[in-house]
PDB file of N, CA and C in Angstrom:
ATOM      1  N   ASP A   1     142.934  98.070  78.551  1.00  0.00           N
ATOM      2  CA  ASP A   1     142.502  97.237  79.657  1.00  0.00           C
ATOM      3  C   ASP A   1     141.756  98.040  80.683  1.00  0.00           C
ATOM      4  N   ASN A   2     140.821  97.423  81.311  1.00  0.00           N
ATOM      5  CA  ASN A   2     139.964  98.045  82.313  1.00  0.00           C
ATOM      6  C   ASN A   2     140.478  97.800  83.776  1.00  0.00           C
ATOM      7  N   GLY A   3     141.598  97.204  83.806  1.00  0.00           N
ATOM      8  CA  GLY A   3     142.242  96.985  85.133  1.00  0.00           C
ATOM      9  C   GLY A   3     141.794  95.750  85.883  1.00  0.00           C
ATOM     10  N   LEU A   4     140.832  95.019  85.216  1.00  0.00           N
ATOM     11  CA  LEU A   4     140.334  93.817  85.867  1.00  0.00           C
ATOM     12  C   LEU A   4     141.195  92.564  85.538  1.00  0.00           C
ATOM     13  N   LYS A   5     141.716  91.975  86.608  1.00  0.00           N
ATOM     14  CA  LYS A   5     142.597  90.884  86.294  1.00  0.00           C
ATOM     15  C   LYS A   5     141.984  89.732  87.102  1.00  0.00           C
ATOM     16  N   ILE A   6     141.821  88.569  86.466  1.00  0.00           N
ATOM     17  CA  ILE A   6     141.245  87.374  87.097  1.00  0.00           C
ATOM     18  C   ILE A   6     142.486  86.455  87.434  1.00  0.00           C
ATOM     19  N   SER A   7     142.733  86.249  88.710  1.00  0.00           N
ATOM     20  CA  SER A   7     143.918  85.504  89.121  1.00  0.00           C
ATOM     21  C   SER A   7     143.646  83.982  88.965  1.00  0.00           C
ATOM     22  N   LEU A   8     144.720  83.218  89.019  1.00  0.00           N
ATOM     23  CA  LEU A   8     144.495  81.734  88.991  1.00  0.00           C
ATOM     24  C   LEU A   8     143.681  81.245  90.139  1.00  0.00           C
ATOM     25  N   TRP A   9     143.798  81.815  91.267  1.00  0.00           N
ATOM     26  CA  TRP A   9     142.884  81.366  92.433  1.00  0.00           C
ATOM     27  C   TRP A   9     141.461  81.618  92.064  1.00  0.00           C
ATOM     28  N   ASP A  10     141.163  82.883  91.529  1.00  0.00           N
ATOM     29  CA  ASP A  10     139.749  83.155  91.132  1.00  0.00           C
ATOM     30  C   ASP A  10     139.200  82.152  90.175  1.00  0.00           C
ATOM     31  N   LYS A  11     140.019  81.736  89.159  1.00  0.00           N
ATOM     32  CA  LYS A  11     139.688  80.803  88.212  1.00  0.00           C
ATOM     33  C   LYS A  11     139.389  79.392  88.716  1.00  0.00           C
ATOM     34  N   ILE A  12     140.155  79.046  89.773  1.00  0.00           N
ATOM     35  CA  ILE A  12     139.986  77.795  90.521  1.00  0.00           C
ATOM     36  C   ILE A  12     138.681  77.779  91.231  1.00  0.00           C
ATOM     37  N   VAL A  13     138.361  78.936  91.887  1.00  0.00           N
ATOM     38  CA  VAL A  13     137.120  79.081  92.674  1.00  0.00           C
ATOM     39  C   VAL A  13     135.912  79.022  91.651  1.00  0.00           C
ATOM     40  N   PHE A  14     136.062  79.661  90.448  1.00  0.00           N
ATOM     41  CA  PHE A  14     134.977  79.715  89.497  1.00  0.00           C
ATOM     42  C   PHE A  14     134.716  78.247  88.985  1.00  0.00           C
ATOM     43  N   ALA A  15     135.799  77.550  88.755  1.00  0.00           N
ATOM     44  CA  ALA A  15     135.712  76.100  88.330  1.00  0.00           C
ATOM     45  C   ALA A  15     135.004  75.375  89.368  1.00  0.00           C
ATOM     46  N   GLY A  16     135.342  75.608  90.608  1.00  0.00           N
ATOM     47  CA  GLY A  16     134.689  74.790  91.735  1.00  0.00           C
ATOM     48  C   GLY A  16     133.201  75.054  91.773  1.00  0.00           C
ATOM     49  N   ILE A  17     132.836  76.408  91.720  1.00  0.00           N
ATOM     50  CA  ILE A  17     131.467  76.779  91.705  1.00  0.00           C
ATOM     51  C   ILE A  17     130.627  76.219  90.557  1.00  0.00           C
ATOM     52  N   ILE A  18     131.259  76.187  89.334  1.00  0.00           N
ATOM     53  CA  ILE A  18     130.659  75.528  88.196  1.00  0.00           C
ATOM     54  C   ILE A  18     130.427  74.134  88.426  1.00  0.00           C
ATOM     55  N   GLY A  19     131.475  73.370  88.876  1.00  0.00           N
ATOM     56  CA  GLY A  19     131.397  72.022  89.136  1.00  0.00           C
ATOM     57  C   GLY A  19     130.378  71.613  90.152  1.00  0.00           C
ATOM     58  N   LEU A  20     130.295  72.329  91.324  1.00  0.00           N
ATOM     59  CA  LEU A  20     129.352  72.125  92.295  1.00  0.00           C
ATOM     60  C   LEU A  20     127.974  72.390  91.853  1.00  0.00           C
ATOM     61  N   GLY A  21     127.785  73.540  91.024  1.00  0.00           N
ATOM     62  CA  GLY A  21     126.449  73.853  90.535  1.00  0.00           C
ATOM     63  C   GLY A  21     125.942  72.818  89.556  1.00  0.00           C
ATOM     64  N   VAL A  22     126.817  72.257  88.683  1.00  0.00           N
ATOM     65  CA  VAL A  22     126.429  71.182  87.794  1.00  0.00           C
ATOM     66  C   VAL A  22     125.970  70.002  88.521  1.00  0.00           C
ATOM     67  N   LEU A  23     126.818  69.593  89.507  1.00  0.00           N
ATOM     68  CA  LEU A  23     126.447  68.414  90.254  1.00  0.00           C
ATOM     69  C   LEU A  23     125.198  68.683  91.092  1.00  0.00           C
ATOM     70  N   GLY A  24     124.996  69.876  91.565  1.00  0.00           N
ATOM     71  CA  GLY A  24     123.736  70.233  92.332  1.00  0.00           C
ATOM     72  C   GLY A  24     122.488  70.132  91.426  1.00  0.00           C
ATOM     73  N   VAL A  25     122.655  70.680  90.212  1.00  0.00           N
ATOM     74  CA  VAL A  25     121.518  70.521  89.280  1.00  0.00           C
ATOM     75  C   VAL A  25     121.150  69.052  88.913  1.00  0.00           C
ATOM     76  N   ASN A  26     122.226  68.286  88.717  1.00  0.00           N
ATOM     77  CA  ASN A  26     121.949  66.941  88.379  1.00  0.00           C
ATOM     78  C   ASN A  26     121.425  66.178  89.592  1.00  0.00           C
ATOM     79  N   PHE A  27     121.915  66.412  90.775  1.00  0.00           N
ATOM     80  CA  PHE A  27     121.457  65.668  92.033  1.00  0.00           C
ATOM     81  C   PHE A  27     120.007  66.091  92.263  1.00  0.00           C
ATOM     82  N   ALA A  28     119.585  67.310  92.125  1.00  0.00           N
ATOM     83  CA  ALA A  28     118.231  67.774  92.393  1.00  0.00           C
ATOM     84  C   ALA A  28     117.337  67.130  91.387  1.00  0.00           C
ATOM     85  N   LEU A  29     117.637  67.075  90.121  1.00  0.00           N
ATOM     86  CA  LEU A  29     116.739  66.512  89.237  1.00  0.00           C
ATOM     87  C   LEU A  29     116.776  64.910  89.380  1.00  0.00           C
ATOM     88  N   TYR A  30     117.897  64.359  89.781  1.00  0.00           N
ATOM     89  CA  TYR A  30     117.899  62.898  90.101  1.00  0.00           C
ATOM     90  C   TYR A  30     116.909  62.619  91.208  1.00  0.00           C
ATOM     91  N   LEU A  31     116.997  63.423  92.299  1.00  0.00           N
ATOM     92  CA  LEU A  31     116.051  63.158  93.396  1.00  0.00           C
ATOM     93  C   LEU A  31     114.603  63.502  93.086  1.00  0.00           C
ATOM     94  N   LEU A  32     114.275  64.473  92.341  1.00  0.00           N
ATOM     95  CA  LEU A  32     113.021  64.999  92.134  1.00  0.00           C
ATOM     96  C   LEU A  32     112.219  64.336  90.943  1.00  0.00           C
ATOM     97  N   CYS A  33     112.923  63.934  89.824  1.00  0.00           N
ATOM     98  CA  CYS A  33     112.258  63.658  88.607  1.00  0.00           C
ATOM     99  C   CYS A  33     112.612  62.216  88.069  1.00  0.00           C
ATOM    100  N   THR A  34     113.591  61.518  88.655  1.00  0.00           N
ATOM    101  CA  THR A  34     114.093  60.344  88.104  1.00  0.00           C
ATOM    102  C   THR A  34     113.604  59.137  88.972  1.00  0.00           C
ATOM    103  N   PRO A  35     112.845  58.155  88.336  1.00  0.00           N
ATOM    104  CA  PRO A  35     112.439  56.971  89.084  1.00  0.00           C
ATOM    105  C   PRO A  35     113.622  56.089  89.510  1.00  0.00           C
ATOM    106  N   VAL A  36     113.407  55.372  90.515  1.00  0.00           N
ATOM    107  CA  VAL A  36     114.506  54.599  91.115  1.00  0.00           C
ATOM    108  C   VAL A  36     114.881  53.578  90.008  1.00  0.00           C
ATOM    109  N   GLY A  37     116.209  53.446  89.873  1.00  0.00           N
ATOM    110  CA  GLY A  37     116.735  52.387  88.930  1.00  0.00           C
ATOM    111  C   GLY A  37     116.917  52.958  87.527  1.00  0.00           C
ATOM    112  N   ALA A  38     116.611  54.196  87.294  1.00  0.00           N
ATOM    113  CA  ALA A  38     116.809  54.697  85.931  1.00  0.00           C
ATOM    114  C   ALA A  38     118.194  54.829  85.594  1.00  0.00           C
ATOM    115  N   ARG A  39     118.582  54.685  84.369  1.00  0.00           N
ATOM    116  CA  ARG A  39     119.978  54.716  83.851  1.00  0.00           C
ATOM    117  C   ARG A  39     120.517  56.129  83.597  1.00  0.00           C
ATOM    118  N   TYR A  40     119.669  57.092  83.567  1.00  0.00           N
ATOM    119  CA  TYR A  40     120.049  58.383  83.387  1.00  0.00           C
ATOM    120  C   TYR A  40     119.059  59.373  84.048  1.00  0.00           C
ATOM    121  N   VAL A  41     119.458  60.637  84.288  1.00  0.00           N
ATOM    122  CA  VAL A  41     118.626  61.634  84.951  1.00  0.00           C
ATOM    123  C   VAL A  41     117.551  62.140  83.974  1.00  0.00           C
ATOM    124  N   ILE A  42     116.366  61.964  84.428  1.00  0.00           N
ATOM    125  CA  ILE A  42     115.222  62.357  83.597  1.00  0.00           C
ATOM    126  C   ILE A  42     115.026  63.926  83.857  1.00  0.00           C
ATOM    127  N   GLY A  43     114.747  64.653  82.787  1.00  0.00           N
ATOM    128  CA  GLY A  43     114.363  66.068  82.886  1.00  0.00           C
ATOM    129  C   GLY A  43     115.498  67.038  82.827  1.00  0.00           C
ATOM    130  N   LEU A  44     116.763  66.477  82.587  1.00  0.00           N
ATOM    131  CA  LEU A  44     117.901  67.313  82.479  1.00  0.00           C
ATOM    132  C   LEU A  44     117.955  68.009  81.189  1.00  0.00           C
ATOM    133  N   GLN A  45     118.003  69.386  81.194  1.00  0.00           N
ATOM    134  CA  GLN A  45     117.991  70.292  79.955  1.00  0.00           C
ATOM    135  C   GLN A  45     119.126  71.330  80.124  1.00  0.00           C
ATOM    136  N   GLY A  46     119.683  71.670  78.993  1.00  0.00           N
ATOM    137  CA  GLY A  46     120.697  72.654  78.983  1.00  0.00           C
ATOM    138  C   GLY A  46     120.427  73.976  79.537  1.00  0.00           C
ATOM    139  N   ARG A  47     119.208  74.394  79.528  1.00  0.00           N
ATOM    140  CA  ARG A  47     118.755  75.690  80.131  1.00  0.00           C
ATOM    141  C   ARG A  47     119.111  75.796  81.612  1.00  0.00           C
ATOM    142  N   TYR A  48     119.156  74.737  82.302  1.00  0.00           N
ATOM    143  CA  TYR A  48     119.491  74.733  83.745  1.00  0.00           C
ATOM    144  C   TYR A  48     121.011  75.196  83.981  1.00  0.00           C
ATOM    145  N   TYR A  49     121.810  75.075  82.909  1.00  0.00           N
ATOM    146  CA  TYR A  49     123.217  75.367  83.127  1.00  0.00           C
ATOM    147  C   TYR A  49     123.595  76.784  82.562  1.00  0.00           C
ATOM    148  N   ILE A  50     122.653  77.470  82.003  1.00  0.00           N
ATOM    149  CA  ILE A  50     122.944  78.796  81.481  1.00  0.00           C
ATOM    150  C   ILE A  50     123.474  79.745  82.561  1.00  0.00           C
ATOM    151  N   ILE A  51     122.962  79.606  83.722  1.00  0.00           N
ATOM    152  CA  ILE A  51     123.474  80.501  84.788  1.00  0.00           C
ATOM    153  C   ILE A  51     125.005  80.395  85.103  1.00  0.00           C
ATOM    154  N   PHE A  52     125.605  79.350  84.688  1.00  0.00           N
ATOM    155  CA  PHE A  52     127.043  79.155  84.844  1.00  0.00           C
ATOM    156  C   PHE A  52     127.863  79.650  83.738  1.00  0.00           C
ATOM    157  N   ALA A  53     127.252  80.022  82.654  1.00  0.00           N
ATOM    158  CA  ALA A  53     127.975  80.507  81.492  1.00  0.00           C
ATOM    159  C   ALA A  53     128.920  81.741  81.755  1.00  0.00           C
ATOM    160  N   PRO A  54     128.587  82.703  82.434  1.00  0.00           N
ATOM    161  CA  PRO A  54     129.552  83.814  82.631  1.00  0.00           C
ATOM    162  C   PRO A  54     130.769  83.403  83.436  1.00  0.00           C
ATOM    163  N   LEU A  55     130.561  82.553  84.390  1.00  0.00           N
ATOM    164  CA  LEU A  55     131.764  82.056  85.117  1.00  0.00           C
ATOM    165  C   LEU A  55     132.663  81.165  84.270  1.00  0.00           C
ATOM    166  N   PHE A  56     132.020  80.426  83.402  1.00  0.00           N
ATOM    167  CA  PHE A  56     132.711  79.465  82.490  1.00  0.00           C
ATOM    168  C   PHE A  56     133.586  80.292  81.543  1.00  0.00           C
ATOM    169  N   TRP A  57     133.103  81.349  80.899  1.00  0.00           N
ATOM    170  CA  TRP A  57     133.883  82.098  80.096  1.00  0.00           C
ATOM    171  C   TRP A  57     134.910  82.926  80.764  1.00  0.00           C
ATOM    172  N   MET A  58     134.779  83.211  82.044  1.00  0.00           N
ATOM    173  CA  MET A  58     135.885  83.942  82.804  1.00  0.00           C
ATOM    174  C   MET A  58     137.037  83.038  82.985  1.00  0.00           C
ATOM    175  N   LEU A  59     136.816  81.702  82.909  1.00  0.00           N
ATOM    176  CA  LEU A  59     138.004  80.819  83.046  1.00  0.00           C
ATOM    177  C   LEU A  59     139.029  80.982  81.905  1.00  0.00           C
ATOM    178  N   PHE A  60     138.586  81.569  80.797  1.00  0.00           N
ATOM    179  CA  PHE A  60     139.392  81.711  79.640  1.00  0.00           C
ATOM    180  C   PHE A  60     140.008  83.168  79.481  1.00  0.00           C
ATOM    181  N   ASP A  61     139.829  83.881  80.540  1.00  0.00           N
ATOM    182  CA  ASP A  61     140.439  85.279  80.464  1.00  0.00           C
ATOM    183  C   ASP A  61     142.012  85.108  80.425  1.00  0.00           C
ATOM    184  N   ASN A  62     142.648  85.657  79.431  1.00  0.00           N
ATOM    185  CA  ASN A  62     144.038  85.752  79.406  1.00  0.00           C
ATOM    186  C   ASN A  62     144.522  86.850  78.379  1.00  0.00           C
ATOM    187  N   LYS A  63     145.806  87.163  78.484  1.00  0.00           N
ATOM    188  CA  LYS A  63     146.358  88.254  77.709  1.00  0.00           C
ATOM    189  C   LYS A  63     146.555  87.897  76.245  1.00  0.00           C
ATOM    190  N   ILE A  64     146.825  86.656  75.990  1.00  0.00           N
ATOM    191  CA  ILE A  64     147.177  86.247  74.617  1.00  0.00           C
ATOM    192  C   ILE A  64     145.947  86.479  73.630  1.00  0.00           C
ATOM    193  N   ILE A  65     144.783  85.972  74.150  1.00  0.00           N
ATOM    194  CA  ILE A  65     143.608  86.044  73.333  1.00  0.00           C
ATOM    195  C   ILE A  65     143.198  87.563  73.142  1.00  0.00           C
ATOM    196  N   LYS A  66     143.282  88.423  74.213  1.00  0.00           N
ATOM    197  CA  LYS A  66     142.958  89.805  74.248  1.00  0.00           C
ATOM    198  C   LYS A  66     143.888  90.451  73.160  1.00  0.00           C
ATOM    199  N   ARG A  67     145.126  90.164  73.128  1.00  0.00           N
ATOM    200  CA  ARG A  67     146.117  90.818  72.233  1.00  0.00           C
ATOM    201  C   ARG A  67     145.661  90.447  70.844  1.00  0.00           C
ATOM    202  N   LYS A  68     145.351  89.246  70.607  1.00  0.00           N
ATOM    203  CA  LYS A  68     144.984  88.819  69.136  1.00  0.00           C
ATOM    204  C   LYS A  68     143.645  89.464  68.713  1.00  0.00           C
ATOM    205  N   ILE A  69     142.703  89.529  69.617  1.00  0.00           N
ATOM    206  CA  ILE A  69     141.357  90.178  69.391  1.00  0.00           C
ATOM    207  C   ILE A  69     141.569  91.585  69.086  1.00  0.00           C
ATOM    208  N   GLY A  70     142.431  92.176  69.972  1.00  0.00           N
ATOM    209  CA  GLY A  70     142.633  93.666  69.720  1.00  0.00           C
ATOM    210  C   GLY A  70     143.172  94.055  68.368  1.00  0.00           C
ATOM    211  N   LYS A  71     143.884  93.091  67.719  1.00  0.00           N
ATOM    212  CA  LYS A  71     144.472  93.407  66.403  1.00  0.00           C
ATOM    213  C   LYS A  71     143.409  93.225  65.235  1.00  0.00           C
ATOM    214  N   MET A  72     142.281  92.570  65.577  1.00  0.00           N
ATOM    215  CA  MET A  72     141.268  92.365  64.559  1.00  0.00           C
ATOM    216  C   MET A  72     140.397  93.581  64.505  1.00  0.00           C
ATOM    217  N   ARG A  73     140.526  94.324  63.394  1.00  0.00           N
ATOM    218  CA  ARG A  73     139.700  95.565  63.365  1.00  0.00           C
ATOM    219  C   ARG A  73     138.192  95.357  63.214  1.00  0.00           C
ATOM    220  N   TYR A  74     137.742  94.559  62.504  1.00  0.00           N
ATOM    221  CA  TYR A  74     136.396  94.469  62.132  1.00  0.00           C
ATOM    222  C   TYR A  74     135.584  93.467  62.936  1.00  0.00           C
ATOM    223  N   LEU A  75     136.220  92.813  63.905  1.00  0.00           N
ATOM    224  CA  LEU A  75     135.628  91.752  64.706  1.00  0.00           C
ATOM    225  C   LEU A  75     134.323  92.292  65.403  1.00  0.00           C
ATOM    226  N   ASN A  76     134.396  93.418  66.070  1.00  0.00           N
ATOM    227  CA  ASN A  76     133.281  93.925  66.781  1.00  0.00           C
ATOM    228  C   ASN A  76     132.071  94.153  65.765  1.00  0.00           C
ATOM    229  N   LEU A  77     132.390  94.769  64.604  1.00  0.00           N
ATOM    230  CA  LEU A  77     131.311  94.915  63.695  1.00  0.00           C
ATOM    231  C   LEU A  77     130.745  93.604  63.148  1.00  0.00           C
ATOM    232  N   ALA A  78     131.562  92.611  62.879  1.00  0.00           N
ATOM    233  CA  ALA A  78     131.164  91.299  62.370  1.00  0.00           C
ATOM    234  C   ALA A  78     130.221  90.638  63.506  1.00  0.00           C
ATOM    235  N   VAL A  79     130.661  90.794  64.761  1.00  0.00           N
ATOM    236  CA  VAL A  79     129.842  90.150  65.845  1.00  0.00           C
ATOM    237  C   VAL A  79     128.549  90.882  65.894  1.00  0.00           C
ATOM    238  N   PHE A  80     128.578  92.159  65.847  1.00  0.00           N
ATOM    239  CA  PHE A  80     127.334  92.913  65.905  1.00  0.00           C
ATOM    240  C   PHE A  80     126.364  92.528  64.802  1.00  0.00           C
ATOM    241  N   VAL A  81     126.842  92.447  63.593  1.00  0.00           N
ATOM    242  CA  VAL A  81     125.941  92.085  62.498  1.00  0.00           C
ATOM    243  C   VAL A  81     125.516  90.720  62.649  1.00  0.00           C
ATOM    244  N   PHE A  82     126.372  89.814  63.003  1.00  0.00           N
ATOM    245  CA  PHE A  82     125.916  88.427  63.328  1.00  0.00           C
ATOM    246  C   PHE A  82     124.781  88.286  64.299  1.00  0.00           C
ATOM    247  N   LEU A  83     124.929  89.069  65.393  1.00  0.00           N
ATOM    248  CA  LEU A  83     123.878  89.042  66.442  1.00  0.00           C
ATOM    249  C   LEU A  83     122.595  89.592  65.945  1.00  0.00           C
ATOM    250  N   ILE A  84     122.652  90.665  65.228  1.00  0.00           N
ATOM    251  CA  ILE A  84     121.423  91.280  64.660  1.00  0.00           C
ATOM    252  C   ILE A  84     120.717  90.315  63.799  1.00  0.00           C
ATOM    253  N   VAL A  85     121.434  89.692  62.901  1.00  0.00           N
ATOM    254  CA  VAL A  85     120.872  88.673  61.923  1.00  0.00           C
ATOM    255  C   VAL A  85     120.229  87.546  62.714  1.00  0.00           C
ATOM    256  N   ILE A  86     120.959  86.939  63.733  1.00  0.00           N
ATOM    257  CA  ILE A  86     120.411  85.825  64.501  1.00  0.00           C
ATOM    258  C   ILE A  86     119.210  86.234  65.238  1.00  0.00           C
ATOM    259  N   LEU A  87     119.286  87.426  66.007  1.00  0.00           N
ATOM    260  CA  LEU A  87     118.084  87.846  66.729  1.00  0.00           C
ATOM    261  C   LEU A  87     116.843  88.074  65.900  1.00  0.00           C
ATOM    262  N   THR A  88     117.023  88.656  64.664  1.00  0.00           N
ATOM    263  CA  THR A  88     115.980  88.943  63.804  1.00  0.00           C
ATOM    264  C   THR A  88     115.410  87.681  63.272  1.00  0.00           C
ATOM    265  N   THR A  89     116.214  86.718  62.904  1.00  0.00           N
ATOM    266  CA  THR A  89     115.784  85.419  62.429  1.00  0.00           C
ATOM    267  C   THR A  89     114.926  84.699  63.510  1.00  0.00           C
ATOM    268  N   THR A  90     115.498  84.713  64.698  1.00  0.00           N
ATOM    269  CA  THR A  90     114.818  84.047  65.812  1.00  0.00           C
ATOM    270  C   THR A  90     113.483  84.665  66.118  1.00  0.00           C
ATOM    271  N   THR A  91     113.385  86.017  66.105  1.00  0.00           N
ATOM    272  CA  THR A  91     112.097  86.685  66.311  1.00  0.00           C
ATOM    273  C   THR A  91     111.079  86.378  65.267  1.00  0.00           C
ATOM    274  N   ILE A  92     111.578  86.441  64.030  1.00  0.00           N
ATOM    275  CA  ILE A  92     110.553  86.091  62.934  1.00  0.00           C
ATOM    276  C   ILE A  92     110.018  84.604  63.034  1.00  0.00           C
ATOM    277  N   THR A  93     111.025  83.697  63.344  1.00  0.00           N
ATOM    278  CA  THR A  93     110.616  82.413  63.475  1.00  0.00           C
ATOM    279  C   THR A  93     109.614  82.125  64.599  1.00  0.00           C
ATOM    280  N   LEU A  94     109.838  82.811  65.753  1.00  0.00           N
ATOM    281  CA  LEU A  94     108.908  82.621  66.859  1.00  0.00           C
ATOM    282  C   LEU A  94     107.558  83.264  66.597  1.00  0.00           C
ATOM    283  N   LEU A  95     107.570  84.399  65.959  1.00  0.00           N
ATOM    284  CA  LEU A  95     106.261  84.993  65.532  1.00  0.00           C
ATOM    285  C   LEU A  95     105.523  84.113  64.557  1.00  0.00           C
ATOM    286  N   HIS A  96     106.122  83.499  63.593  1.00  0.00           N
ATOM    287  CA  HIS A  96     105.424  82.704  62.686  1.00  0.00           C
ATOM    288  C   HIS A  96     105.007  81.368  63.358  1.00  0.00           C
ATOM    289  N   ARG A  97     105.787  80.820  64.137  1.00  0.00           N
ATOM    290  CA  ARG A  97     105.457  79.573  64.717  1.00  0.00           C
ATOM    291  C   ARG A  97     104.340  79.621  65.779  1.00  0.00           C
ATOM    292  N   TYR A  98     104.436  80.687  66.631  1.00  0.00           N
ATOM    293  CA  TYR A  98     103.455  80.711  67.792  1.00  0.00           C
ATOM    294  C   TYR A  98     102.347  81.656  67.601  1.00  0.00           C
ATOM    295  N   TYR A  99     102.550  82.645  66.715  1.00  0.00           N
ATOM    296  CA  TYR A  99     101.400  83.650  66.558  1.00  0.00           C
ATOM    297  C   TYR A  99     100.949  83.710  65.181  1.00  0.00           C
ATOM    298  N   SER A 100     101.350  82.943  64.231  1.00  0.00           N
ATOM    299  CA  SER A 100     100.851  82.789  62.923  1.00  0.00           C
ATOM    300  C   SER A 100     100.843  84.158  62.190  1.00  0.00           C
ATOM    301  N   LEU A 101     101.915  84.892  62.363  1.00  0.00           N
ATOM    302  CA  LEU A 101     101.935  86.227  61.704  1.00  0.00           C
ATOM    303  C   LEU A 101     102.691  86.201  60.378  1.00  0.00           C
TER     304      LEU A 101
END
């Protein structure tokens, strides 16, 4: 352990920040991009919520999951290989699609 402990109060604060942030993004796009009387918010995209991802994952910090992950020997290697494959595939796809290489 690195000594970092996220208390229940911290998790409640994180959840509140995430909730207010999501509502804020929705409200801003509702006011700026959505015509009056529309049934849904226009222009809403998942990329606007990426900023809340670190706080979201901190909500799941607990000792049980850490204990189970600590016992899996090859998890780090598997995740590393997976990320390398995904990043390489993404890079090749982008190069072919946008630069015709």
